Amino acid sequence: MDTGITIRQGGPDDVAAVLSLLDSAVDWLGGKGITAQWGTEPFSSRPKTAALVEQVVTEGSPWIAEIDGVPAGTLTLTPHPGSYVAPADEPERYVRFLATGSRFRFHGRGVGAALLAHAADETRRLGVSLLRVDCFAGSEGRLVAYYERQGFTRTETFAVGDWPGQILEMRVR
């Protein structure tokens, strides 16, 4: 099935697009009453959060999914997790800031799934066998279940304050 999704390598010039996609996700989640995951304020209006996104995108390998030339989703691969998760004891790639723009959610296109499949391919291409991601574990574990449907397996749980998190991994040999 042709989904019409094109995935391209991003770069520092894509920080505004990444922030826009993350803002769109915050807005969509808020509209669903899911405010514990990423809050209610857009990423772009939080200076420390916007600076972190810029740092991760600039230092990592950002990927942009486009539909008809319009950014529809994003993720950034890094060689390590954020500071709140211990690095693996082997080389890894870590998924950071996965988001699908609200305009492209639930259209049967599978933007997030396409990005995660691309992340697995890219990890394999780099000769690394471990791909990890962390996510919000609240809201009845819906996001955890999503990652499991994409082929990830639960490993450890963690918390940042009262924010419950789940680490998941995928072997991509």
N, C-alpha and C. Protein backbone atom coordinates (compact mmCIF):
# COMPACT_ATOMS: atom_id res chain seq x y z
N MET A 1 0.84 -1.18 0.00
CA MET A 1 0.00 0.00 0.00
C MET A 1 0.88 1.24 0.00
N ASP A 2 0.65 2.13 -0.94
CA ASP A 2 1.40 3.38 -1.00
C ASP A 2 0.78 4.37 -0.03
N THR A 3 1.53 4.73 1.00
CA THR A 3 1.02 5.65 2.01
C THR A 3 1.26 7.10 1.63
N GLY A 4 2.09 7.34 0.62
CA GLY A 4 2.42 8.70 0.24
C GLY A 4 3.41 9.36 1.18
N ILE A 5 4.02 8.57 2.07
CA ILE A 5 4.97 9.11 3.04
C ILE A 5 6.38 9.05 2.46
N THR A 6 7.07 10.16 2.53
CA THR A 6 8.49 10.23 2.18
C THR A 6 9.24 10.59 3.46
N ILE A 7 10.32 9.87 3.73
CA ILE A 7 11.11 10.17 4.93
C ILE A 7 12.46 10.70 4.47
N ARG A 8 12.80 11.88 4.98
CA ARG A 8 14.07 12.50 4.61
C ARG A 8 14.88 12.83 5.86
N GLN A 9 16.20 12.87 5.65
CA GLN A 9 17.10 13.29 6.73
C GLN A 9 16.86 14.76 7.00
N GLY A 10 16.76 15.09 8.27
CA GLY A 10 16.60 16.49 8.66
C GLY A 10 17.92 17.07 9.09
N GLY A 11 17.86 18.26 9.62
CA GLY A 11 19.04 18.95 10.10
C GLY A 11 18.64 20.13 10.95
N PRO A 12 19.62 20.95 11.34
CA PRO A 12 19.33 22.11 12.19
C PRO A 12 18.28 23.06 11.59
N ASP A 13 18.19 23.12 10.28
CA ASP A 13 17.19 23.99 9.66
C ASP A 13 15.77 23.49 9.89
N ASP A 14 15.61 22.27 10.38
CA ASP A 14 14.29 21.68 10.61
C ASP A 14 13.79 21.85 12.04
N VAL A 15 14.53 22.54 12.88
CA VAL A 15 14.12 22.70 14.28
C VAL A 15 12.72 23.31 14.36
N ALA A 16 12.43 24.33 13.57
CA ALA A 16 11.10 24.97 13.61
C ALA A 16 10.02 23.97 13.22
N ALA A 17 10.27 23.14 12.20
CA ALA A 17 9.28 22.14 11.79
C ALA A 17 9.08 21.10 12.88
N VAL A 18 10.16 20.67 13.51
CA VAL A 18 10.06 19.69 14.60
C VAL A 18 9.25 20.27 15.75
N LEU A 19 9.55 21.51 16.13
CA LEU A 19 8.79 22.16 17.21
C LEU A 19 7.31 22.30 16.83
N SER A 20 7.04 22.63 15.60
CA SER A 20 5.65 22.75 15.14
C SER A 20 4.92 21.41 15.25
N LEU A 21 5.58 20.32 14.87
CA LEU A 21 4.97 18.99 14.98
C LEU A 21 4.75 18.61 16.45
N LEU A 22 5.71 18.92 17.29
CA LEU A 22 5.55 18.64 18.72
C LEU A 22 4.41 19.49 19.31
N ASP A 23 4.34 20.76 18.92
CA ASP A 23 3.24 21.63 19.38
C ASP A 23 1.89 21.07 18.95
N SER A 24 1.83 20.58 17.72
CA SER A 24 0.60 20.01 17.20
C SER A 24 0.20 18.78 18.01
N ALA A 25 1.19 17.97 18.39
CA ALA A 25 0.91 16.79 19.20
C ALA A 25 0.40 17.18 20.59
N VAL A 26 1.00 18.22 21.19
CA VAL A 26 0.54 18.70 22.51
C VAL A 26 -0.91 19.15 22.40
N ASP A 27 -1.22 19.88 21.34
CA ASP A 27 -2.58 20.38 21.14
C ASP A 27 -3.56 19.22 20.97
N TRP A 28 -3.17 18.22 20.18
CA TRP A 28 -4.04 17.06 19.95
C TRP A 28 -4.25 16.28 21.25
N LEU A 29 -3.17 16.03 21.98
CA LEU A 29 -3.28 15.32 23.25
C LEU A 29 -4.17 16.09 24.24
N GLY A 30 -3.98 17.40 24.30
CA GLY A 30 -4.80 18.22 25.19
C GLY A 30 -6.27 18.14 24.83
N GLY A 31 -6.55 18.11 23.54
CA GLY A 31 -7.93 17.98 23.07
C GLY A 31 -8.56 16.65 23.46
N LYS A 32 -7.72 15.64 23.67
CA LYS A 32 -8.20 14.32 24.09
C LYS A 32 -8.19 14.19 25.63
N GLY A 33 -7.81 15.28 26.31
CA GLY A 33 -7.76 15.24 27.77
C GLY A 33 -6.52 14.57 28.32
N ILE A 34 -5.53 14.33 27.47
CA ILE A 34 -4.28 13.68 27.89
C ILE A 34 -3.24 14.78 28.10
N THR A 35 -3.25 15.37 29.28
CA THR A 35 -2.34 16.48 29.55
C THR A 35 -1.13 16.06 30.38
N ALA A 36 -1.19 14.88 30.99
CA ALA A 36 -0.08 14.43 31.84
C ALA A 36 1.13 14.01 31.02
N GLN A 37 0.95 13.71 29.73
CA GLN A 37 2.07 13.25 28.91
C GLN A 37 3.04 14.38 28.60
N TRP A 38 2.57 15.42 27.92
CA TRP A 38 3.45 16.52 27.51
C TRP A 38 2.96 17.88 27.98
N GLY A 39 1.96 17.89 28.86
CA GLY A 39 1.46 19.15 29.38
C GLY A 39 0.47 19.81 28.44
N THR A 40 0.24 21.08 28.68
CA THR A 40 -0.73 21.82 27.87
C THR A 40 -0.08 22.97 27.10
N GLU A 41 1.12 23.32 27.47
CA GLU A 41 1.82 24.42 26.80
C GLU A 41 2.62 23.91 25.62
N PRO A 42 2.56 24.58 24.49
CA PRO A 42 3.35 24.15 23.32
C PRO A 42 4.85 24.09 23.66
N PHE A 43 5.53 23.14 23.07
CA PHE A 43 6.99 23.02 23.27
C PHE A 43 7.68 24.34 22.92
N SER A 44 7.23 24.97 21.84
CA SER A 44 7.90 26.18 21.35
C SER A 44 7.76 27.35 22.31
N SER A 45 6.79 27.33 23.22
CA SER A 45 6.61 28.44 24.15
C SER A 45 7.33 28.20 25.48
N ARG A 46 8.00 27.05 25.61
CA ARG A 46 8.75 26.73 26.83
C ARG A 46 10.24 26.83 26.50
N PRO A 47 10.92 27.91 26.89
CA PRO A 47 12.31 28.13 26.47
C PRO A 47 13.25 26.96 26.72
N LYS A 48 13.20 26.35 27.91
CA LYS A 48 14.12 25.23 28.20
C LYS A 48 13.81 24.03 27.33
N THR A 49 12.52 23.75 27.11
CA THR A 49 12.12 22.61 26.29
C THR A 49 12.48 22.85 24.83
N ALA A 50 12.23 24.05 24.34
CA ALA A 50 12.59 24.38 22.96
C ALA A 50 14.10 24.29 22.75
N ALA A 51 14.87 24.73 23.74
CA ALA A 51 16.33 24.64 23.64
C ALA A 51 16.77 23.17 23.64
N LEU A 52 16.12 22.32 24.43
CA LEU A 52 16.46 20.89 24.44
C LEU A 52 16.15 20.26 23.08
N VAL A 53 14.99 20.57 22.52
CA VAL A 53 14.64 20.04 21.20
C VAL A 53 15.69 20.48 20.18
N GLU A 54 16.07 21.75 20.20
CA GLU A 54 17.08 22.24 19.27
C GLU A 54 18.41 21.50 19.45
N GLN A 55 18.81 21.28 20.69
CA GLN A 55 20.07 20.56 20.97
C GLN A 55 20.00 19.13 20.45
N VAL A 56 18.91 18.42 20.74
CA VAL A 56 18.79 17.02 20.31
C VAL A 56 18.76 16.93 18.79
N VAL A 57 18.00 17.80 18.14
CA VAL A 57 17.91 17.79 16.68
C VAL A 57 19.26 18.12 16.05
N THR A 58 19.97 19.08 16.63
CA THR A 58 21.27 19.50 16.08
C THR A 58 22.34 18.44 16.29
N GLU A 59 22.34 17.78 17.45
CA GLU A 59 23.37 16.80 17.76
C GLU A 59 23.02 15.40 17.27
N GLY A 60 21.73 15.12 17.09
CA GLY A 60 21.29 13.80 16.67
C GLY A 60 21.08 13.70 15.17
N SER A 61 20.34 12.67 14.78
CA SER A 61 19.99 12.46 13.38
C SER A 61 18.48 12.59 13.24
N PRO A 62 18.01 13.80 12.92
CA PRO A 62 16.58 13.98 12.79
C PRO A 62 16.06 13.44 11.46
N TRP A 63 14.85 12.90 11.51
CA TRP A 63 14.18 12.39 10.32
C TRP A 63 12.80 13.04 10.25
N ILE A 64 12.43 13.46 9.07
CA ILE A 64 11.15 14.12 8.84
C ILE A 64 10.34 13.29 7.86
N ALA A 65 9.14 12.92 8.26
CA ALA A 65 8.20 12.25 7.36
C ALA A 65 7.36 13.34 6.70
N GLU A 66 7.26 13.27 5.39
CA GLU A 66 6.47 14.26 4.66
C GLU A 66 5.39 13.58 3.84
N ILE A 67 4.27 14.25 3.73
CA ILE A 67 3.18 13.83 2.85
C ILE A 67 2.90 15.01 1.94
N ASP A 68 3.05 14.80 0.65
CA ASP A 68 2.88 15.88 -0.33
C ASP A 68 3.75 17.08 0.01
N GLY A 69 4.97 16.81 0.49
CA GLY A 69 5.93 17.86 0.78
C GLY A 69 5.70 18.60 2.09
N VAL A 70 4.70 18.18 2.85
CA VAL A 70 4.37 18.83 4.13
C VAL A 70 4.87 17.95 5.27
N PRO A 71 5.63 18.52 6.25
CA PRO A 71 6.05 17.72 7.39
C PRO A 71 4.86 17.12 8.12
N ALA A 72 4.85 15.79 8.23
CA ALA A 72 3.74 15.07 8.86
C ALA A 72 4.16 14.41 10.17
N GLY A 73 5.45 14.19 10.35
CA GLY A 73 5.94 13.54 11.55
C GLY A 73 7.44 13.66 11.64
N THR A 74 7.95 13.34 12.81
CA THR A 74 9.39 13.46 13.03
C THR A 74 9.84 12.54 14.15
N LEU A 75 11.09 12.20 14.11
CA LEU A 75 11.80 11.62 15.24
C LEU A 75 13.27 11.93 15.05
N THR A 76 14.01 11.89 16.14
CA THR A 76 15.45 12.09 16.09
C THR A 76 16.10 10.88 16.73
N LEU A 77 17.09 10.32 16.05
CA LEU A 77 17.88 9.22 16.58
C LEU A 77 19.15 9.77 17.21
N THR A 78 19.44 9.32 18.42
CA THR A 78 20.67 9.71 19.10
C THR A 78 21.40 8.45 19.54
N PRO A 79 22.69 8.56 19.84
CA PRO A 79 23.44 7.38 20.30
C PRO A 79 23.24 7.09 21.79
N HIS A 80 22.35 7.84 22.45
CA HIS A 80 22.12 7.68 23.88
C HIS A 80 20.75 8.26 24.23
N PRO A 81 20.20 7.85 25.38
CA PRO A 81 18.92 8.41 25.82
C PRO A 81 19.09 9.80 26.41
N GLY A 82 17.97 10.39 26.81
CA GLY A 82 18.02 11.63 27.58
C GLY A 82 18.62 11.37 28.95
N SER A 83 18.90 12.43 29.67
CA SER A 83 19.61 12.33 30.95
C SER A 83 18.84 11.57 32.03
N TYR A 84 17.56 11.37 31.86
CA TYR A 84 16.72 10.71 32.87
C TYR A 84 16.70 9.19 32.72
N VAL A 85 17.39 8.65 31.70
CA VAL A 85 17.47 7.20 31.47
C VAL A 85 18.94 6.82 31.36
N ALA A 86 19.32 5.72 32.01
CA ALA A 86 20.71 5.25 31.93
C ALA A 86 21.00 4.72 30.52
N PRO A 87 22.17 5.01 29.98
CA PRO A 87 22.52 4.44 28.68
C PRO A 87 22.66 2.93 28.78
N ALA A 88 22.51 2.27 27.65
CA ALA A 88 22.68 0.81 27.59
C ALA A 88 24.15 0.47 27.77
N ASP A 89 24.44 -0.78 28.08
CA ASP A 89 25.82 -1.22 28.23
C ASP A 89 26.39 -1.74 26.91
N GLU A 90 25.80 -1.29 25.81
CA GLU A 90 26.26 -1.63 24.46
C GLU A 90 25.87 -0.48 23.54
N PRO A 91 26.42 -0.41 22.35
CA PRO A 91 26.01 0.65 21.43
C PRO A 91 24.50 0.59 21.18
N GLU A 92 23.89 1.75 21.08
CA GLU A 92 22.46 1.81 20.85
C GLU A 92 22.12 3.04 20.01
N ARG A 93 20.92 3.04 19.49
CA ARG A 93 20.30 4.23 18.93
C ARG A 93 19.03 4.41 19.74
N TYR A 94 18.72 5.67 20.03
CA TYR A 94 17.59 6.00 20.90
C TYR A 94 16.65 6.93 20.15
N VAL A 95 15.37 6.60 20.16
CA VAL A 95 14.35 7.42 19.53
C VAL A 95 13.98 8.55 20.48
N ARG A 96 14.09 9.77 19.97
CA ARG A 96 13.73 10.96 20.76
C ARG A 96 12.70 11.77 19.97
N PHE A 97 11.79 12.35 20.68
CA PHE A 97 10.81 13.29 20.12
C PHE A 97 10.05 12.77 18.90
N LEU A 98 9.50 11.56 19.02
CA LEU A 98 8.62 11.05 17.97
C LEU A 98 7.29 11.78 18.07
N ALA A 99 6.85 12.34 16.97
CA ALA A 99 5.56 13.04 16.95
C ALA A 99 4.99 13.01 15.54
N THR A 100 3.68 12.91 15.50
CA THR A 100 2.94 13.03 14.25
C THR A 100 2.07 14.27 14.36
N GLY A 101 2.07 15.08 13.32
CA GLY A 101 1.22 16.27 13.31
C GLY A 101 -0.24 15.87 13.40
N SER A 102 -1.02 16.61 14.14
CA SER A 102 -2.43 16.25 14.37
C SER A 102 -3.21 16.13 13.07
N ARG A 103 -2.84 16.88 12.08
CA ARG A 103 -3.53 16.83 10.78
C ARG A 103 -3.36 15.46 10.09
N PHE A 104 -2.31 14.73 10.46
CA PHE A 104 -2.00 13.46 9.80
C PHE A 104 -2.27 12.24 10.68
N ARG A 105 -2.87 12.43 11.83
CA ARG A 105 -3.19 11.31 12.72
C ARG A 105 -4.42 10.57 12.21
N PHE A 106 -4.40 9.28 12.35
CA PHE A 106 -5.57 8.44 12.08
C PHE A 106 -6.12 8.60 10.68
N HIS A 107 -5.24 8.81 9.73
CA HIS A 107 -5.67 8.87 8.33
C HIS A 107 -5.28 7.59 7.61
N GLY A 108 -4.93 6.57 8.38
CA GLY A 108 -4.55 5.30 7.78
C GLY A 108 -3.19 5.32 7.13
N ARG A 109 -2.44 6.38 7.35
CA ARG A 109 -1.13 6.50 6.70
C ARG A 109 -0.01 5.89 7.51
N GLY A 110 -0.14 5.85 8.83
CA GLY A 110 0.87 5.23 9.67
C GLY A 110 2.18 6.00 9.71
N VAL A 111 2.10 7.32 9.89
CA VAL A 111 3.30 8.15 9.91
C VAL A 111 4.27 7.70 11.00
N GLY A 112 3.77 7.53 12.22
CA GLY A 112 4.64 7.10 13.32
C GLY A 112 5.25 5.74 13.07
N ALA A 113 4.44 4.81 12.58
CA ALA A 113 4.95 3.46 12.28
C ALA A 113 6.02 3.51 11.19
N ALA A 114 5.82 4.35 10.18
CA ALA A 114 6.81 4.48 9.10
C ALA A 114 8.12 5.05 9.65
N LEU A 115 8.02 6.04 10.53
CA LEU A 115 9.23 6.60 11.13
C LEU A 115 9.96 5.59 12.00
N LEU A 116 9.22 4.81 12.78
CA LEU A 116 9.86 3.80 13.62
C LEU A 116 10.50 2.69 12.79
N ALA A 117 9.85 2.29 11.71
CA ALA A 117 10.45 1.29 10.81
C ALA A 117 11.73 1.85 10.19
N HIS A 118 11.70 3.13 9.83
CA HIS A 118 12.89 3.77 9.27
C HIS A 118 14.01 3.83 10.33
N ALA A 119 13.64 4.13 11.58
CA ALA A 119 14.63 4.16 12.66
C ALA A 119 15.29 2.80 12.84
N ALA A 120 14.49 1.74 12.75
CA ALA A 120 15.05 0.38 12.85
C ALA A 120 16.00 0.11 11.69
N ASP A 121 15.60 0.48 10.48
CA ASP A 121 16.46 0.29 9.31
C ASP A 121 17.76 1.08 9.44
N GLU A 122 17.64 2.31 9.90
CA GLU A 122 18.82 3.17 10.05
C GLU A 122 19.76 2.61 11.12
N THR A 123 19.20 2.13 12.20
CA THR A 123 20.00 1.52 13.28
C THR A 123 20.76 0.32 12.74
N ARG A 124 20.08 -0.52 12.00
CA ARG A 124 20.70 -1.70 11.39
C ARG A 124 21.80 -1.26 10.40
N ARG A 125 21.50 -0.27 9.57
CA ARG A 125 22.46 0.22 8.59
C ARG A 125 23.75 0.71 9.25
N LEU A 126 23.62 1.27 10.44
CA LEU A 126 24.77 1.77 11.18
C LEU A 126 25.54 0.66 11.90
N GLY A 127 25.05 -0.58 11.80
CA GLY A 127 25.72 -1.70 12.44
C GLY A 127 25.44 -1.81 13.92
N VAL A 128 24.38 -1.18 14.38
CA VAL A 128 23.98 -1.21 15.77
C VAL A 128 22.77 -2.14 15.88
N SER A 129 22.73 -2.96 16.90
CA SER A 129 21.62 -3.92 16.99
C SER A 129 20.54 -3.54 18.00
N LEU A 130 20.76 -2.51 18.80
CA LEU A 130 19.79 -2.13 19.83
C LEU A 130 19.18 -0.77 19.53
N LEU A 131 17.85 -0.76 19.41
CA LEU A 131 17.08 0.48 19.26
C LEU A 131 16.18 0.59 20.49
N ARG A 132 16.27 1.72 21.18
CA ARG A 132 15.44 1.91 22.38
C ARG A 132 14.63 3.19 22.26
N VAL A 133 13.59 3.24 23.06
CA VAL A 133 12.71 4.41 23.14
C VAL A 133 12.12 4.43 24.54
N ASP A 134 11.75 5.60 25.01
CA ASP A 134 10.98 5.67 26.25
C ASP A 134 9.72 6.46 25.97
N CYS A 135 8.73 6.23 26.81
CA CYS A 135 7.46 6.92 26.60
C CYS A 135 6.69 7.06 27.89
N PHE A 136 5.65 7.85 27.83
CA PHE A 136 4.71 8.05 28.91
C PHE A 136 3.97 6.74 29.17
N ALA A 137 3.96 6.29 30.42
CA ALA A 137 3.34 5.01 30.75
C ALA A 137 1.95 5.18 31.36
N GLY A 138 1.48 6.43 31.52
CA GLY A 138 0.15 6.66 32.04
C GLY A 138 -0.91 6.44 30.97
N SER A 139 -2.11 6.95 31.19
CA SER A 139 -3.23 6.81 30.25
C SER A 139 -3.47 5.36 29.88
N GLU A 140 -3.54 4.52 30.90
CA GLU A 140 -3.78 3.08 30.74
C GLU A 140 -2.73 2.39 29.85
N GLY A 141 -1.55 2.99 29.72
CA GLY A 141 -0.48 2.36 28.95
C GLY A 141 -0.71 2.33 27.45
N ARG A 142 -1.55 3.21 26.94
CA ARG A 142 -1.86 3.20 25.49
C ARG A 142 -0.62 3.42 24.62
N LEU A 143 0.24 4.33 25.05
CA LEU A 143 1.44 4.59 24.24
C LEU A 143 2.42 3.41 24.32
N VAL A 144 2.53 2.80 25.48
CA VAL A 144 3.36 1.60 25.63
C VAL A 144 2.85 0.52 24.68
N ALA A 145 1.55 0.31 24.65
CA ALA A 145 0.95 -0.70 23.77
C ALA A 145 1.21 -0.37 22.30
N TYR A 146 1.19 0.92 21.95
CA TYR A 146 1.50 1.33 20.57
C TYR A 146 2.91 0.88 20.19
N TYR A 147 3.88 1.16 21.05
CA TYR A 147 5.26 0.76 20.75
C TYR A 147 5.39 -0.76 20.67
N GLU A 148 4.66 -1.47 21.51
CA GLU A 148 4.69 -2.93 21.44
C GLU A 148 4.13 -3.41 20.10
N ARG A 149 3.10 -2.76 19.60
CA ARG A 149 2.56 -3.13 18.28
C ARG A 149 3.57 -2.85 17.17
N GLN A 150 4.51 -1.95 17.42
CA GLN A 150 5.54 -1.64 16.42
C GLN A 150 6.76 -2.55 16.55
N GLY A 151 6.72 -3.52 17.48
CA GLY A 151 7.79 -4.49 17.61
C GLY A 151 8.73 -4.28 18.77
N PHE A 152 8.46 -3.29 19.61
CA PHE A 152 9.30 -3.04 20.79
C PHE A 152 8.84 -3.92 21.94
N THR A 153 9.77 -4.18 22.87
CA THR A 153 9.51 -4.98 24.06
C THR A 153 9.80 -4.13 25.29
N ARG A 154 8.93 -4.22 26.28
CA ARG A 154 9.14 -3.47 27.53
C ARG A 154 10.41 -3.94 28.23
N THR A 155 11.12 -2.99 28.81
CA THR A 155 12.25 -3.32 29.69
C THR A 155 11.96 -2.68 31.05
N GLU A 156 12.65 -1.60 31.40
CA GLU A 156 12.46 -1.00 32.72
C GLU A 156 11.42 0.12 32.71
N THR A 157 10.90 0.37 33.92
CA THR A 157 10.07 1.56 34.13
C THR A 157 10.95 2.60 34.83
N PHE A 158 10.50 3.83 34.81
CA PHE A 158 11.21 4.91 35.49
C PHE A 158 10.19 6.01 35.77
N ALA A 159 10.59 6.98 36.53
CA ALA A 159 9.73 8.13 36.80
C ALA A 159 10.59 9.39 36.81
N VAL A 160 10.02 10.45 36.31
CA VAL A 160 10.60 11.77 36.43
C VAL A 160 9.58 12.56 37.24
N GLY A 161 9.86 12.72 38.52
CA GLY A 161 8.86 13.30 39.42
C GLY A 161 7.67 12.35 39.48
N ASP A 162 6.48 12.87 39.15
CA ASP A 162 5.29 12.02 39.15
C ASP A 162 4.92 11.56 37.74
N TRP A 163 5.82 11.74 36.79
CA TRP A 163 5.60 11.34 35.39
C TRP A 163 6.09 9.90 35.22
N PRO A 164 5.17 8.94 34.98
CA PRO A 164 5.58 7.54 34.84
C PRO A 164 6.09 7.24 33.43
N GLY A 165 7.23 6.58 33.35
CA GLY A 165 7.80 6.26 32.05
C GLY A 165 8.08 4.79 31.88
N GLN A 166 8.17 4.40 30.62
CA GLN A 166 8.48 3.02 30.26
C GLN A 166 9.58 3.05 29.20
N ILE A 167 10.60 2.23 29.38
CA ILE A 167 11.64 2.05 28.37
C ILE A 167 11.30 0.79 27.61
N LEU A 168 11.46 0.86 26.29
CA LEU A 168 11.22 -0.29 25.42
C LEU A 168 12.41 -0.44 24.50
N GLU A 169 12.62 -1.67 24.02
CA GLU A 169 13.74 -1.91 23.11
C GLU A 169 13.32 -2.82 21.96
N MET A 170 14.12 -2.75 20.92
CA MET A 170 13.93 -3.61 19.75
C MET A 170 15.32 -4.05 19.28
N ARG A 171 15.47 -5.33 19.03
CA ARG A 171 16.70 -5.84 18.44
C ARG A 171 16.52 -5.82 16.92
N VAL A 172 17.50 -5.25 16.22
CA VAL A 172 17.35 -5.03 14.77
C VAL A 172 18.41 -5.73 13.95
N ARG A 173 18.97 -6.81 14.44
CA ARG A 173 20.03 -7.54 13.72
C ARG A 173 19.62 -7.91 12.34
